[in-house]
Every structure is written in structure tokens, then in C-alpha cells.
Protein backbone atom coordinates (compact mmCIF):
# COMPACT_ATOMS: atom_id res chain seq x y z
CA UNK A 1 140.60 63.45 -33.34
CA UNK A 2 143.07 63.96 -35.61
CA UNK A 3 143.09 61.96 -38.98
CA UNK A 4 146.15 59.64 -37.90
CA UNK A 5 144.51 58.44 -34.58
CA UNK A 6 141.49 57.89 -36.44
CA UNK A 7 143.51 55.53 -38.93
CA UNK A 8 145.07 53.68 -36.08
CA UNK A 9 141.84 52.78 -34.09
CA UNK A 10 140.06 51.56 -37.40
CA UNK A 11 142.99 49.57 -37.88
CA UNK A 12 143.23 48.02 -34.42
CA UNK A 13 139.65 47.44 -34.52
CA UNK A 14 139.90 45.34 -37.73
CA UNK A 15 142.79 43.43 -36.25
CA UNK A 16 141.05 42.59 -32.98
CA UNK A 17 137.62 41.76 -34.69
CA UNK A 18 139.74 39.66 -37.49
CA UNK A 19 141.33 37.66 -34.70
CA UNK A 20 138.31 37.07 -32.75
CA UNK A 21 136.88 35.74 -35.83
CA UNK A 22 139.43 33.54 -36.62
CA UNK A 23 139.36 32.28 -32.96
CA UNK A 24 135.66 31.51 -33.02
CA UNK A 25 135.83 29.67 -36.39
CA UNK A 26 138.60 27.71 -35.13
CA UNK A 27 137.03 26.72 -31.75
CA UNK A 28 133.68 25.88 -33.48
CA UNK A 29 135.38 23.69 -36.03
CA UNK A 30 137.26 21.47 -33.18
CA UNK A 31 134.29 20.94 -30.53
CA UNK A 32 134.13 17.57 -29.56
CA UNK A 33 130.36 16.79 -30.16
CA UNK A 34 129.01 13.74 -31.57
CA UNK A 35 125.93 12.29 -32.10
CA UNK A 36 124.77 9.01 -30.21
CA UNK A 37 123.33 6.18 -32.23
CA UNK A 38 119.89 7.11 -30.91
CA UNK A 39 120.41 10.77 -32.11
CA UNK A 40 121.50 9.73 -35.50
CA UNK A 41 118.45 7.42 -35.80
CA UNK A 42 116.09 10.29 -34.92
CA UNK A 43 117.78 12.95 -37.30
CA UNK A 44 118.48 10.43 -40.38
CA UNK A 45 116.71 12.58 -42.64
CA UNK A 46 118.77 15.65 -42.00
CA UNK A 47 122.01 14.43 -41.44
CA UNK A 48 122.11 11.78 -44.42
CA UNK A 49 125.23 12.32 -46.60
CA UNK A 50 126.56 14.77 -44.43
CA UNK A 51 129.90 14.67 -42.30
CA UNK A 52 129.15 13.67 -38.69
CA UNK A 53 130.74 12.12 -35.31
CA UNK A 54 129.31 9.37 -33.91
CA UNK A 55 129.89 7.71 -30.56
CA UNK A 56 128.96 4.52 -29.06
CA UNK A 57 130.21 1.15 -28.01
CA UNK A 58 131.26 -1.72 -30.18
CA UNK A 59 128.69 -4.43 -30.26
CA UNK A 60 130.06 -7.66 -29.06
CA UNK A 61 129.09 -9.33 -32.18
CA UNK A 62 129.69 -8.38 -36.03
CA UNK A 63 133.24 -7.51 -35.71
CA UNK A 64 134.69 -8.45 -38.96
CA UNK A 65 138.58 -7.10 -39.83
CA UNK A 66 140.25 -8.06 -42.96
CA UNK A 67 144.06 -7.69 -41.90
CA UNK A 68 144.87 -7.96 -45.84
CA UNK A 69 142.93 -5.05 -47.10
CA UNK A 70 142.97 -3.17 -44.01
CA UNK A 71 139.06 -2.82 -43.90
CA UNK A 72 137.12 -3.23 -40.39
CA UNK A 73 133.42 -3.75 -40.28
CA UNK A 74 131.59 -3.46 -37.08
CA UNK A 75 128.32 -2.39 -35.10
CA UNK A 76 128.26 0.43 -32.89
CA UNK A 77 125.41 0.65 -30.30
CA UNK A 78 123.99 2.92 -27.49
CA UNK A 79 122.15 0.17 -25.91
CA UNK A 80 118.86 0.73 -27.71
CA UNK A 81 119.83 1.34 -31.38
CA UNK A 82 122.39 0.13 -33.76
CA UNK A 83 124.30 1.26 -36.69
CA UNK A 84 126.64 -0.76 -38.79
CA UNK A 85 130.20 0.98 -39.49
CA UNK A 86 132.77 0.35 -42.50
CA UNK A 87 136.18 1.58 -41.64
CA UNK A 88 139.24 1.36 -43.78
CA UNK A 89 142.60 2.41 -42.07
CA UNK A 90 144.41 1.73 -39.15
CA UNK A 91 142.97 0.29 -36.04
CA UNK A 92 143.42 1.48 -32.88
CA UNK A 93 145.16 -0.77 -29.64
CA UNK A 94 142.31 0.10 -27.72
CA UNK A 95 139.67 -1.22 -30.19
CA UNK A 96 137.94 -4.11 -29.01
CA UNK A 97 134.17 -5.15 -28.52
CA UNK A 98 132.75 -3.43 -25.68
CA UNK A 99 134.95 -0.39 -26.36
CA UNK A 100 133.95 3.52 -26.47
CA UNK A 101 134.59 4.36 -29.85
CA UNK A 102 134.05 7.64 -31.75
CA UNK A 103 134.17 7.45 -35.65
CA UNK A 104 133.95 10.53 -38.07
CA UNK A 105 132.58 10.04 -41.42
CA UNK A 106 129.18 10.13 -43.49
CA UNK A 107 125.90 7.85 -43.22
CA UNK A 108 124.27 7.02 -45.93
CA UNK A 109 120.78 5.80 -44.21
CA UNK A 110 121.79 2.40 -43.93
CA UNK A 111 125.88 2.28 -43.23
CA UNK A 112 128.36 4.28 -41.64
CA UNK A 113 131.09 5.11 -43.72
CA UNK A 114 134.13 6.04 -41.43
CA UNK A 115 137.10 8.01 -42.23
CA UNK A 116 138.56 8.14 -38.82
CA UNK A 117 138.29 5.68 -35.73
CA UNK A 118 139.18 6.52 -32.30
CA UNK A 119 138.89 4.12 -29.52
CA UNK A 120 138.83 5.55 -25.63
CA UNK A 121 141.65 3.71 -23.96
CA UNK A 122 140.42 2.39 -20.38
CA UNK A 123 141.76 3.98 -17.64
CA UNK A 124 143.82 2.11 -14.95
CA UNK A 125 142.79 4.47 -12.43
CA UNK A 126 138.99 4.41 -12.52
CA UNK A 127 137.44 2.16 -10.11
CA UNK A 128 135.31 -1.28 -11.32
CA UNK A 129 131.72 -1.20 -10.88
CA UNK A 130 130.75 -1.50 -6.98
CA UNK A 131 134.43 -0.75 -5.95
CA UNK A 132 135.24 2.27 -4.25
CA UNK A 133 138.45 4.15 -5.60
CA UNK A 134 141.53 3.67 -3.59
CA UNK A 135 142.67 6.15 -0.90
CA UNK A 136 146.21 7.90 -1.78
CA UNK A 137 148.85 6.57 0.35
CA UNK A 138 149.30 8.07 3.79
CA UNK A 139 151.94 10.80 4.28
CA UNK A 140 155.17 9.54 6.26
CA UNK A 141 155.18 11.07 9.75
CA UNK A 142 158.80 12.45 9.53
CA UNK A 143 157.84 14.43 6.24
CA UNK A 144 157.12 18.26 6.53
CA UNK A 145 154.09 20.27 4.55
CA UNK A 146 155.26 22.63 2.07
């Protein structure tokens, strides 16, 4: 193998490895994994004062929203444990008691200080508990299949 081909092969290998590393690190940082409230309680010693995502439902009681200051305090629960959350910022329209939420921020061992708040929108197309999902409409008899 001559010297020029060897240099070209090394350059291509470096670019492929660099691209692979960038793709891996980008995908790793954007994973949507979050802790449940019970997992947070179990790992409180290891996650205290670190950036984490927490997911759960907004408890029916305990929502305090000061629209003048733009501050919101609420409780997130998974049905077993609860965590009080403080948030300052824009509140999503879908936020309400009983809504599924994901908050990003830091937990100091007592209160979760959220920097971001995401509320899951309820789907109009999901069947309610105990109901069957509606069947798709029947195809008219005079329409041919593609």
C-alpha cells in the first residue's frame, strides 16, 4: 500500500470515528428517560443536587399558582410517593390536577426545583376506561382498492 492511500485510509477512519462519537453522544444526551417518584425516593442519596427528569401525575390537592409572579407549586405523585415541586415559568395549557407531567431540574432532598415543565396532552383518540376504541368507518361499496 503506498503512502498516499494509507493517509487517505487514516483520514477516513478518523472522520468515521468522530462522526460515530458525535452521533452517540448526541443520542445519549437526548434520551427521554425519567425517574418515577418512587425511583427518586429510592435513589435520593445518589441524585441529590444533580440534573434529573421526574415523571408522574399532578396531585389533585396542593396546586398553588401565582400568576403575577409566574410561580407554580404543586405535588407530583406516582400513586405511592409524592414530591413537592417548585416551578417558575410558562405553564403549559394541558397542566391541571391529574395530568401526566415531566419536570426537569434538581432535587435537594425535600423539594424538586423544576427548570422545565412538560404536560402530556390527553388524546382525543384513546378509548376511555372500559370502552372499546371505535372501529374505522366502513369503505363505501363503490370505491375501488388502490
